[in-house]
Protein backbone atom coordinates (compact mmCIF):
# COMPACT_ATOMS: atom_id res chain seq x y z
CA MET A 1 139.61 143.14 70.21
CA PRO A 2 136.69 143.12 72.69
CA LYS A 3 137.21 140.71 75.58
CA SER A 4 133.62 139.66 76.25
CA LYS A 5 130.64 138.99 74.05
CA VAL A 6 128.80 141.99 75.50
CA GLU A 7 131.74 144.25 74.57
CA LEU A 8 131.81 142.69 71.06
CA TYR A 9 128.12 143.46 70.54
CA ALA A 10 128.65 147.02 71.77
CA ALA A 11 131.61 147.58 69.37
CA ILE A 12 129.67 146.21 66.36
CA ARG A 13 126.66 148.41 67.13
CA ARG A 14 128.90 151.48 67.60
CA ASP A 15 130.78 150.97 64.29
CA HIS A 16 127.58 150.34 62.43
CA ARG A 17 125.83 153.38 63.93
CA GLN A 18 128.67 155.88 63.95
CA GLY A 19 131.04 154.63 61.27
CA GLY A 20 128.42 153.41 58.83
CA LEU A 21 130.22 150.09 58.27
CA SER A 22 128.34 147.45 56.39
CA MET A 23 127.69 144.00 57.74
CA ARG A 24 130.40 142.49 55.50
CA ALA A 25 132.92 145.11 56.73
CA LEU A 26 131.98 144.33 60.32
CA GLU A 27 132.47 140.61 59.65
CA HIS A 28 136.00 141.21 58.38
CA LYS A 29 136.91 143.71 61.11
CA TYR A 30 135.89 141.52 64.03
CA GLY A 31 136.40 138.09 62.46
CA VAL A 32 132.83 136.88 63.07
CA THR A 33 130.06 135.42 60.96
CA TRP A 34 127.15 137.37 59.55
CA ARG A 35 124.87 135.68 62.09
CA THR A 36 126.84 137.21 64.94
CA VAL A 37 126.71 140.66 63.30
CA ARG A 38 122.96 140.29 62.76
CA LYS A 39 122.37 139.33 66.37
CA ALA A 40 124.49 142.23 67.62
CA LEU A 41 122.52 144.73 65.52
CA ASP A 42 119.19 143.26 66.66
CA SER A 43 119.98 143.15 70.43
CA LYS A 44 122.52 144.67 72.77
CA TRP A 45 122.56 141.51 74.94
CA PRO A 46 123.98 138.20 73.70
CA GLU A 47 121.74 135.19 73.80
CA PRO A 48 122.25 133.03 76.91
CA ARG A 49 124.44 130.03 76.39
CA LYS A 50 122.49 126.90 75.71
CA LYS A 51 122.68 124.27 78.39
CA HIS A 52 124.05 121.09 76.99
CA ARG A 53 122.56 117.79 77.91
CA PRO A 54 124.46 116.47 80.95
CA ARG A 55 126.88 113.74 80.10
CA ALA A 56 126.52 110.35 81.66
CA THR A 57 128.90 109.68 84.58
CA ARG A 58 129.85 106.67 86.65
CA LEU A 59 127.77 108.14 89.52
CA ASP A 60 124.46 107.86 87.63
CA ALA A 61 123.95 104.26 88.69
CA TYR A 62 124.18 105.24 92.36
CA LYS A 63 122.21 108.48 92.45
CA LYS A 64 118.97 106.79 93.55
CA ILE A 65 120.85 105.12 96.40
CA ILE A 66 122.30 108.47 97.50
CA ASP A 67 118.83 110.04 97.31
CA GLY A 68 117.58 107.30 99.62
CA PHE A 69 120.28 108.12 102.18
CA LEU A 70 119.36 111.82 102.06
CA GLN A 71 115.65 111.03 102.36
CA ALA A 72 116.32 108.98 105.48
CA ASP A 73 118.24 111.93 106.97
CA LEU A 74 115.06 114.00 107.04
CA ASP A 75 113.92 112.09 110.14
CA ALA A 76 117.35 111.34 111.63
CA PRO A 77 118.70 113.08 114.76
CA PRO A 78 120.55 116.34 113.96
CA LYS A 79 123.98 114.98 114.84
CA GLN A 80 123.50 111.60 113.16
CA LYS A 81 122.91 112.54 109.54
CA HIS A 82 124.95 111.32 106.59
CA THR A 83 127.97 113.31 105.58
CA ALA A 84 129.35 113.10 102.03
CA LYS A 85 132.26 111.06 103.43
CA ARG A 86 129.91 108.59 105.10
CA ILE A 87 127.83 108.25 101.92
CA HIS A 88 130.95 107.52 99.87
CA ASP A 89 132.10 104.93 102.43
CA ARG A 90 128.72 103.17 102.32
CA LEU A 91 128.70 103.09 98.53
CA VAL A 92 132.10 101.40 98.55
CA GLU A 93 131.37 98.99 101.41
CA GLU A 94 127.76 98.03 100.62
CA HIS A 95 127.58 98.42 96.81
CA GLY A 96 131.15 97.92 95.65
CA ALA A 97 131.36 101.38 94.05
CA VAL A 98 135.14 101.42 93.98
CA GLU A 99 135.17 103.44 90.75
CA ILE A 100 133.36 106.37 92.44
CA SER A 101 135.53 109.14 93.91
CA TYR A 102 134.73 111.12 97.01
CA GLN A 103 134.77 114.41 95.04
CA MET A 104 132.00 113.13 92.76
CA VAL A 105 129.83 112.21 95.75
CA ARG A 106 130.49 115.49 97.56
CA SER A 107 129.57 117.61 94.54
CA TYR A 108 126.30 115.72 93.98
CA VAL A 109 125.31 115.72 97.68
CA ALA A 110 125.91 119.47 98.06
CA ASP A 111 123.18 120.27 95.52
CA ARG A 112 120.88 117.29 95.95
CA ARG A 113 120.48 117.68 99.72
CA LYS A 114 119.00 121.18 99.26
CA GLN A 115 116.61 119.93 96.57
CA ILE A 116 115.35 117.09 98.78
CA HIS A 117 114.76 119.48 101.67
CA LEU A 118 112.76 121.80 99.41
CA LEU A 119 110.68 118.89 98.04
CA ALA A 120 109.95 117.82 101.63
CA GLY A 121 108.67 121.30 102.48
CA ARG A 122 111.64 122.19 104.61
CA ALA A 123 112.63 125.49 103.12
CA PRO A 124 115.50 127.42 104.73
CA GLU A 125 114.38 129.54 107.67
CA VAL A 126 114.11 133.25 107.03
CA PHE A 127 116.00 135.58 109.36
CA ILE A 128 114.61 139.06 109.94
CA PRO A 129 117.10 141.90 110.59
CA GLN A 130 116.66 143.42 114.05
CA SER A 131 117.35 146.86 115.52
CA HIS A 132 118.30 147.22 119.18
CA ILE A 133 117.60 150.08 121.58
CA PRO A 134 120.61 151.29 123.61
CA GLY A 135 120.70 149.79 127.09
CA ALA A 136 117.66 147.58 126.51
CA GLU A 137 118.84 144.05 125.66
CA ALA A 138 121.69 141.61 126.23
CA GLU A 139 122.56 137.98 125.49
CA VAL A 140 124.34 135.34 127.57
CA ASP A 141 126.03 132.09 126.60
CA PHE A 142 128.67 129.55 127.63
CA GLY A 143 131.29 128.16 125.25
CA ASP A 144 133.99 125.49 125.57
CA VAL A 145 137.65 126.50 125.52
CA HIS A 146 140.77 124.40 125.90
CA ILE A 147 143.84 125.67 127.76
CA VAL A 148 147.06 124.29 129.25
CA LEU A 149 146.61 124.80 133.00
CA ALA A 150 149.79 124.30 135.04
CA GLY A 151 151.16 122.08 132.26
CA VAL A 152 147.98 119.96 131.95
CA PRO A 153 145.60 120.24 128.93
CA THR A 154 142.28 121.29 130.48
CA ARG A 155 138.78 121.93 129.20
CA CYS A 156 137.19 125.08 130.65
CA TYR A 157 134.08 127.15 130.02
CA LEU A 158 133.94 130.70 128.67
CA PHE A 159 131.06 132.80 130.03
CA SER A 160 130.01 135.66 127.74
CA PHE A 161 127.63 138.55 128.52
CA ARG A 162 127.03 140.77 125.44
CA LEU A 163 125.03 143.99 125.13
CA SER A 164 122.96 143.78 121.95
CA TYR A 165 123.18 147.45 120.90
CA SER A 166 126.88 148.22 121.29
CA GLY A 167 128.26 144.67 121.04
CA LYS A 168 130.27 145.27 124.22
CA ALA A 169 130.98 141.85 125.76
CA VAL A 170 132.46 140.74 129.08
CA HIS A 171 133.98 137.28 129.41
CA ARG A 172 135.08 135.02 132.26
CA VAL A 173 136.67 131.56 132.25
CA PHE A 174 135.48 128.97 134.77
CA ALA A 175 136.36 125.38 135.57
CA SER A 176 132.70 124.36 135.21
CA CYS A 177 129.47 125.77 133.82
CA GLY A 178 127.45 125.12 136.97
CA GLN A 179 125.13 127.53 138.72
CA GLU A 180 127.91 129.10 140.81
CA ALA A 181 129.87 129.95 137.64
CA PHE A 182 126.70 131.18 135.92
CA ILE A 183 125.83 133.58 138.73
CA GLU A 184 129.42 134.67 139.37
CA GLY A 185 129.83 135.42 135.67
CA HIS A 186 126.78 137.70 135.81
CA VAL A 187 128.09 139.56 138.85
CA HIS A 188 131.47 140.12 137.21
CA ALA A 189 129.90 141.21 133.90
CA LEU A 190 127.37 143.62 135.40
CA ASN A 191 129.95 145.18 137.73
CA THR A 192 132.33 145.59 134.78
CA LEU A 193 129.64 147.16 132.59
CA GLY A 194 128.45 149.40 135.41
CA GLY A 195 124.73 148.74 134.96
CA VAL A 196 121.91 146.31 134.18
CA PRO A 197 119.96 146.15 130.87
CA ARG A 198 116.51 147.70 131.18
CA GLY A 199 114.89 145.16 128.87
CA ARG A 200 115.29 141.45 128.27
CA VAL A 201 118.38 139.29 128.58
CA ARG A 202 118.30 136.25 126.27
CA TYR A 203 119.34 132.81 127.54
CA ASP A 204 119.59 129.21 126.49
CA ASN A 205 117.72 126.69 128.59
CA LEU A 206 120.76 126.14 130.83
CA LYS A 207 120.33 123.87 133.84
CA ALA A 208 121.85 126.63 135.97
CA ALA A 209 118.76 128.75 135.24
CA VAL A 210 116.00 126.40 134.04
CA SER A 211 115.05 123.32 136.00
CA ARG A 212 112.33 122.22 133.54
CA VAL A 213 111.07 123.21 130.07
CA THR A 214 107.26 123.07 130.28
CA GLY A 215 106.52 122.90 126.55
CA LEU A 216 104.00 125.74 126.89
CA GLY A 217 105.61 128.33 124.66
CA ARG A 218 108.26 130.34 126.51
CA MET A 219 107.18 129.22 129.98
CA ARG A 220 109.99 127.74 132.08
CA VAL A 221 110.34 126.42 135.62
CA GLU A 222 113.36 128.31 136.94
CA ALA A 223 115.85 127.21 139.57
CA GLU A 224 115.03 128.92 142.88
CA ARG A 225 118.51 130.38 143.40
CA TRP A 226 118.49 131.83 139.89
CA THR A 227 115.06 133.39 140.48
CA ALA A 228 116.35 135.03 143.66
CA PHE A 229 119.41 136.33 141.81
CA ARG A 230 117.30 137.77 138.96
CA SER A 231 115.04 139.48 141.46
CA HIS A 232 118.00 141.02 143.28
CA TRP A 233 119.62 142.41 140.12
CA GLY A 234 116.40 143.24 138.28
CA ILE A 235 117.06 140.99 135.25
CA ASP A 236 114.18 140.18 132.88
CA ALA A 237 115.01 136.76 131.40
CA PHE A 238 113.91 135.65 127.93
CA TYR A 239 114.44 131.95 127.14
CA CYS A 240 115.09 130.91 123.55
CA ARG A 241 113.54 127.89 121.89
CA PRO A 242 115.25 124.62 122.88
CA GLY A 243 117.93 123.11 120.65
CA LEU A 244 119.27 124.42 117.37
CA GLU A 245 115.95 126.07 116.54
CA GLY A 246 116.57 128.77 119.13
CA ALA A 247 120.27 129.37 118.49
CA HIS A 248 119.57 132.24 116.06
CA GLU A 249 117.47 134.03 118.70
CA LYS A 250 120.71 135.05 120.40
CA GLY A 251 122.97 134.96 117.38
CA GLY A 252 125.01 137.94 118.56
CA VAL A 253 126.52 136.19 121.56
CA GLU A 254 126.84 132.90 119.63
CA GLY A 255 129.06 134.67 117.12
CA GLN A 256 130.85 136.61 119.87
CA VAL A 257 131.93 133.42 121.65
CA GLY A 258 133.30 132.02 118.39
CA TYR A 259 135.13 135.24 117.53
CA PHE A 260 136.66 135.52 121.01
CA ARG A 261 137.77 131.89 120.98
CA ARG A 262 139.35 132.09 117.52
CA ASN A 263 141.16 135.38 118.11
CA HIS A 264 142.31 135.06 121.73
CA PHE A 265 142.55 131.33 122.42
CA VAL A 266 144.62 130.52 119.34
CA PRO A 267 147.28 129.40 120.04
CA VAL A 268 146.10 127.59 123.17
CA PRO A 269 146.96 129.73 126.24
CA GLN A 270 149.41 128.24 128.74
CA VAL A 271 148.80 129.60 132.25
CA SER A 272 149.53 128.59 135.82
CA SER A 273 146.06 129.42 137.17
CA LEU A 274 142.60 130.52 136.10
CA ALA A 275 143.15 133.82 137.91
CA GLU A 276 146.09 134.53 135.60
CA LEU A 277 144.00 133.63 132.55
CA ASN A 278 141.07 135.81 133.64
CA ALA A 279 143.40 138.77 134.06
CA MET A 280 144.37 138.27 130.41
CA VAL A 281 140.69 137.94 129.43
CA ASP A 282 139.88 141.28 131.11
CA GLN A 283 142.57 142.98 129.05
CA TRP A 284 141.31 141.32 125.85
CA ASP A 285 137.83 142.69 126.58
CA ILE A 286 139.26 146.19 126.87
CA ASP A 287 141.23 145.79 123.64
CA ASP A 288 138.13 144.60 121.77
CA GLU A 289 136.44 147.97 122.36
CA ALA A 290 138.55 149.36 119.51
CA ARG A 291 137.03 146.86 117.07
CA ARG A 292 134.30 147.63 114.54
CA ILE A 293 131.55 145.05 114.00
CA SER A 294 130.93 144.42 110.31
CA SER A 295 130.35 147.73 108.47
CA ARG A 296 129.21 149.78 111.46
CA PRO A 297 130.61 153.33 111.36
CA HIS A 298 131.80 153.43 114.99
CA THR A 299 133.77 151.14 117.30
CA ILE A 300 132.31 148.98 120.06
CA GLY A 301 133.72 151.33 122.68
CA GLU A 302 132.08 154.39 121.10
CA TYR A 303 128.69 152.69 120.99
CA PHE A 304 129.11 151.45 124.57
CA ARG A 305 129.88 154.94 125.91
CA ALA A 306 126.58 156.09 124.40
CA GLU A 307 124.76 153.06 125.86
CA LEU A 308 126.16 153.18 129.39
CA PRO A 309 123.98 156.07 130.70
CA ARG A 310 120.85 154.15 129.67
CA LEU A 311 121.58 151.07 131.79
CA LYS A 312 119.82 150.59 135.12
CA PRO A 313 122.00 151.30 138.20
CA LEU A 314 123.54 148.38 140.08
CA PRO A 315 121.95 147.25 143.39
CA GLU A 316 123.66 148.54 146.51
CA GLU A 317 123.58 145.26 148.46
CA PRO A 318 125.85 142.41 147.32
CA PHE A 319 124.59 138.95 146.40
CA GLU A 320 126.53 135.92 147.63
CA THR A 321 127.43 133.99 144.49
CA GLY A 322 128.75 130.92 146.30
CA ARG A 323 126.75 128.14 147.91
CA TRP A 324 127.09 127.12 151.55
CA PHE A 325 127.48 123.53 152.79
CA THR A 326 128.00 122.09 156.27
CA PRO A 327 129.81 118.75 155.84
CA ARG A 328 131.30 116.65 158.61
CA VAL A 329 135.03 115.90 158.59
CA ASP A 330 135.64 112.15 158.28
CA ARG A 331 138.44 110.09 159.81
CA TYR A 332 140.65 110.77 156.79
CA SER A 333 140.45 114.50 157.61
CA GLN A 334 138.42 115.10 154.45
CA ILE A 335 135.09 116.66 153.59
CA THR A 336 132.91 115.71 150.61
CA VAL A 337 131.34 118.45 148.50
CA ARG A 338 129.57 117.64 145.22
CA THR A 339 131.08 114.10 145.11
CA ASN A 340 134.65 115.47 145.46
CA ARG A 341 136.86 115.23 148.56
CA TYR A 342 138.94 118.05 150.05
CA SER A 343 141.34 117.92 153.00
CA VAL A 344 141.20 120.00 156.20
CA PRO A 345 143.57 120.07 159.23
CA VAL A 346 143.49 116.81 161.20
CA ARG A 347 142.48 118.57 164.42
CA LEU A 348 138.98 118.97 162.91
CA ILE A 349 138.28 115.26 162.49
CA SER A 350 134.64 114.49 163.46
CA HIS A 351 133.82 118.23 163.53
CA THR A 352 131.24 119.95 161.31
CA VAL A 353 132.64 122.80 159.23
CA ARG A 354 131.14 125.46 156.95
CA VAL A 355 132.09 125.42 153.27
CA LEU A 356 131.57 128.18 150.70
CA LEU A 357 131.63 126.69 147.19
CA ASN A 358 132.46 129.27 144.51
CA ALA A 359 132.85 128.82 140.77
CA ASN A 360 136.62 128.29 140.84
CA ASP A 361 137.50 127.70 144.49
CA LEU A 362 136.25 126.27 147.78
CA ILE A 363 136.74 127.93 151.19
CA VAL A 364 136.43 126.02 154.49
CA TYR A 365 135.57 127.82 157.75
CA ASP A 366 135.71 126.69 161.36
CA GLY A 367 133.24 129.12 162.81
CA ARG A 368 134.32 132.43 161.27
CA THR A 369 137.96 131.43 160.81
CA GLU A 370 139.15 130.36 157.38
CA ILE A 371 141.07 127.12 157.76
CA ALA A 372 141.50 125.89 154.18
CA ARG A 373 141.15 127.07 150.60
CA HIS A 374 141.14 124.69 147.64
CA GLU A 375 140.86 125.00 143.89
CA ARG A 376 137.47 123.59 142.94
CA LEU A 377 137.50 120.22 141.20
CA SER A 378 135.39 119.89 138.06
CA THR A 379 135.59 116.08 137.96
CA ARG A 380 133.44 113.56 139.84
CA GLY A 381 134.92 111.52 142.66
CA GLY A 382 138.20 113.46 142.67
CA SER A 383 140.29 114.53 145.66
CA ASN A 384 142.33 117.62 146.51
CA LEU A 385 144.59 116.98 149.50
CA VAL A 386 147.07 119.40 151.08
CA LEU A 387 150.11 117.79 152.68
CA ASP A 388 150.30 120.46 155.38
CA HIS A 389 146.92 119.37 156.77
CA TYR A 390 148.33 115.95 157.75
CA LEU A 391 151.71 116.90 159.27
CA GLU A 392 150.62 116.64 162.93
CA ALA A 393 149.41 113.08 162.32
CA LEU A 394 152.36 112.09 160.14
CA ILE A 395 154.94 113.15 162.73
CA ARG A 396 153.39 110.49 165.00
CA LYS A 397 153.11 108.01 162.11
CA PRO A 398 156.18 108.60 159.94
CA GLY A 399 155.76 105.23 158.26
CA ALA A 400 152.59 106.46 156.55
CA PHE A 401 154.35 109.43 154.96
CA PRO A 402 156.04 107.82 151.88
CA GLY A 403 152.83 106.32 150.48
CA SER A 404 150.40 109.10 151.41
CA THR A 405 148.11 110.51 148.72
CA ALA A 406 148.78 114.03 149.97
CA LEU A 407 152.51 113.55 149.28
CA GLU A 408 151.79 112.28 145.77
CA GLN A 409 149.61 115.29 145.01
CA ALA A 410 152.22 117.66 146.48
CA ARG A 411 154.81 116.14 144.11
CA SER A 412 152.47 116.53 141.14
CA ALA A 413 151.80 120.16 142.04
CA GLY A 414 155.52 120.92 142.43
CA ARG A 415 155.28 121.70 146.15
CA PHE A 416 157.41 118.68 147.09
CA THR A 417 160.55 119.20 145.03
CA PRO A 418 163.61 117.07 144.22
CA VAL A 419 165.43 119.17 146.85
CA HIS A 420 163.05 117.75 149.46
CA ASP A 421 163.69 114.21 148.19
CA ASN A 422 167.48 114.58 148.28
CA TRP A 423 167.51 115.97 151.81
CA TRP A 424 165.01 113.32 152.96
CA ALA A 425 167.13 110.49 151.55
CA ALA A 426 170.24 111.83 153.28
CA ALA A 427 168.37 112.28 156.57
CA ARG A 428 167.06 108.70 156.48
CA ALA A 429 170.55 107.40 155.77
CA ALA A 430 171.95 109.34 158.72
CA HIS A 431 169.16 109.01 161.32
CA GLY A 432 167.18 105.97 160.23
CA GLU A 433 163.89 105.65 158.40
CA ALA A 434 161.57 106.95 161.12
CA GLU A 435 163.73 109.71 162.55
CA GLY A 436 164.83 110.93 159.13
CA THR A 437 161.20 111.18 158.04
CA ARG A 438 160.28 113.02 161.25
CA ALA A 439 163.10 115.49 160.57
CA LEU A 440 161.63 116.15 157.10
CA ILE A 441 158.15 116.65 158.54
CA GLU A 442 159.59 119.20 160.99
CA VAL A 443 161.07 120.98 157.98
CA LEU A 444 157.68 120.96 156.24
CA LEU A 445 156.13 122.53 159.35
CA LEU A 446 158.40 125.53 158.77
CA GLY A 447 156.24 126.34 155.76
CA ARG A 448 153.48 127.57 158.07
CA HIS A 449 155.44 130.69 159.00
CA MET A 450 158.00 130.90 156.20
CA SER A 451 157.60 131.08 152.45
CA HIS A 452 157.93 127.93 150.39
CA GLU A 453 160.82 129.36 148.36
CA HIS A 454 162.84 130.21 151.48
CA VAL A 455 162.35 126.72 152.95
CA VAL A 456 163.49 125.09 149.70
CA ALA A 457 166.55 127.36 149.60
CA GLY A 458 167.31 126.45 153.22
CA LEU A 459 167.00 122.73 152.40
CA ALA A 460 169.42 123.11 149.50
CA ALA A 461 171.99 124.96 151.63
CA ALA A 462 171.72 122.45 154.47
CA PHE A 463 172.04 119.52 152.07
CA ARG A 464 175.24 120.96 150.55
CA ALA A 465 176.71 121.36 154.03
CA GLY A 466 175.59 117.92 155.22
CA ALA A 467 173.40 119.44 157.95
CA LEU A 468 170.50 117.02 158.35
CA THR A 469 168.45 118.60 161.15
CA ALA A 470 165.38 120.78 161.00
CA ASP A 471 167.15 123.45 163.10
CA ALA A 472 169.87 123.81 160.47
CA VAL A 473 167.31 124.12 157.69
CA ALA A 474 165.37 126.73 159.69
CA LEU A 475 168.48 128.83 160.23
CA GLU A 476 169.49 128.70 156.57
CA ALA A 477 165.96 129.56 155.48
CA ARG A 478 165.98 132.58 157.78
CA LYS A 479 169.31 133.67 156.28
CA VAL A 480 167.75 133.54 152.83
CA ALA A 481 164.68 135.42 154.02
CA ASP A 482 166.86 138.11 155.65
CA GLY A 483 168.84 138.39 152.42
CA ASP A 484 165.66 138.87 150.40
CA ASN A 485 164.49 141.58 152.78
CA ALA A 486 167.87 143.34 152.90
CA PRO A 487 168.60 146.46 150.78
CA THR A 488 169.32 145.58 147.17
CA SER A 489 172.35 147.91 147.05
CA THR A 490 175.77 146.25 147.15
CA ASP A 491 177.10 148.98 149.49
CA PRO A 492 177.34 147.92 153.15
CA ALA A 493 174.96 149.45 155.65
CA PRO A 494 176.30 152.36 157.72
CA GLY A 495 178.59 151.13 160.47
CA ARG A 496 178.80 147.59 159.07
CA PRO A 497 181.80 146.33 157.08
CA ALA A 498 181.15 144.69 153.74
CA ALA A 499 181.36 140.89 153.78
CA PRO A 500 183.92 139.49 151.35
CA ALA A 501 182.52 137.60 148.39
CA ALA A 502 184.60 134.52 149.13
CA ALA A 503 183.16 134.29 152.61
CA GLU A 504 179.63 134.32 151.19
CA GLU A 505 180.44 131.56 148.71
CA HIS A 506 181.95 129.27 151.37
CA ALA A 507 179.51 130.06 154.19
CA SER A 508 179.07 127.13 156.58
CA VAL A 509 175.90 126.03 158.33
CA THR A 510 175.51 127.12 161.97
CA PHE A 511 173.34 124.95 164.15
CA LEU A 512 170.44 126.66 165.87
CA SER A 513 171.64 125.88 169.44
CA ASP A 514 175.06 127.45 168.72
CA TRP A 515 173.41 130.42 167.07
CA ARG A 516 171.21 131.02 170.13
CA LEU A 517 174.17 130.84 172.52
CA SER A 518 176.20 133.24 170.39
CA HIS A 519 173.44 135.83 170.62
CA LEU A 520 173.13 135.77 174.45
CA PRO A 521 174.47 138.84 176.31
CA PRO A 522 177.84 138.41 178.10
CA ASP A 523 177.57 136.95 181.62
CA THR A 524 179.59 139.18 184.05
CA ARG A 525 178.48 137.47 187.26
CA PRO A 526 181.21 135.83 189.45
CA LEU A 527 181.44 132.08 189.47
CA PRO A 528 179.36 130.47 192.22
CA SER A 529 181.08 129.21 195.43
CA VAL A 530 180.15 126.39 197.83
CA ALA A 531 182.38 127.63 200.70
CA ALA A 532 179.39 128.53 202.84
CA TYR A 533 178.25 124.91 202.82
CA ASP A 534 181.50 123.80 204.53
CA GLN A 535 180.25 125.40 207.76
CA LEU A 536 177.31 123.01 207.81
CA LEU A 537 179.63 120.05 207.46
CA ASN A 538 181.78 121.24 210.41
CA ARG A 539 178.77 121.74 212.70
CA ARG A 540 177.47 118.30 211.80
CA ARG A 541 180.74 116.64 212.77
CA THR A 542 180.99 118.54 216.11
CA GLY A 543 177.40 117.91 217.23
CA GLY A 544 177.06 114.22 216.42
CA GLN A 545 180.08 112.22 217.76
CA GLY A 546 178.39 108.88 217.21
CA THR A 547 177.50 109.48 213.63
CA SER A 548 179.49 107.58 211.10
CA HIS A 549 181.49 109.27 208.43
CA GLY A 550 179.12 108.07 205.72
CA GLU A 551 176.07 109.49 207.51
CA ALA A 552 177.81 112.82 208.10
CA THR A 553 178.51 113.19 204.45
């Protein structure tokens, strides 16, 4: 039995034409009426199904109200238009339409919204397919991404530079989307690609590049630093129309950011630093070269290898992506850069220093010497303090150490560990509050010429042995450092007996003064004698008879 009406018509026509069956025979064979047989013999296509008159529904009484909401949306801001959920809520709250379901409203709004837009003369915009010349065009955009940075959920910004012909894209994650990140992202992308597009590069009206939109077509007032950067690299910028109207003008990179975020940032990456994340991003960019875009016959990498020779060569001279500042160090040993405060060594209080602000970090110079390096803060009014910068002042003011902001931040960052706290508590119990704190500060000063891990291991060993002096911690830390630098083989070195395992497990702490004495060379000199001085005493007694015994001695 034919499955569809078209197949039924075809079977009736075939049997009538080839088999010579009469209409009555066809009626019996296919179980249809004579009208159906007549229609099949007259036309190979069935008549379209008649549209029945729509049945009345409970929503009919509210359709004019819904139309009014949709009419009002024509002049509403883009992000403040009615959704189907909001329309349903208003019908229930304002008109008591408790018998209306959300599914009924959603189905009606989906069709009616399009009709109202067409009646208002707002037909859907037509998109014209484009062809791109190899090496001629590129697109740039920023997108939000969320990561877990050092255990803290953090919002970052994904910079994307995409060649229009091949679809090859280079990405970089930054803590902010400011001008430093914008320029640094370009430098990284162009160096990775190995060339500069010969034609236009399409941009949004980002504040990092555009200081003012003039309203005169595509004319823009550019930021001076961005203009200098474009001139150095030979970039021809093309600015899209503001807002959603211009989003389709760089649709390739818009879609690229979404694809990259969905495929590489799901699940949310958990990293200890942005440098670690960007190393992963670089590998993801390489892996994406094996991907095919839509139905294109070749991969991104194959198209890019054909496009690379057509890019302009890179400039020979570098361009400094960071921005220089010259702040003055205040009495809290801090400098202020872009509303955020960063610590420097206390010896520089009241001095003027040079600061290079990059996209993800901040470097402080005293003359040409680097004295501090901080991770850049993306907040406003934040502070980034390093405990080591305050140690010289804290050793004179140990009472300020427990409540210091630098100590709190060191704890949060994991630099001041529970091992430090345990040793500090024992030292205060043994030496008193001030002296115990000074001993801990002396231990922290060891971190300037020893690794943090070795100092923590030395603290743990000294705490187990009850040695609560900085000298003991220093010696134990050096033992750990020497062990890390020793050969990894378990065989003893030539000429040196192997230490028994039990001795290593029960090693005791040696104080630094004893250790120094034990390493001095043997003293073979004779003991000193004072016999020669007795001659002076005898001469004094013989020459001065009137001198008393007390004066003679």
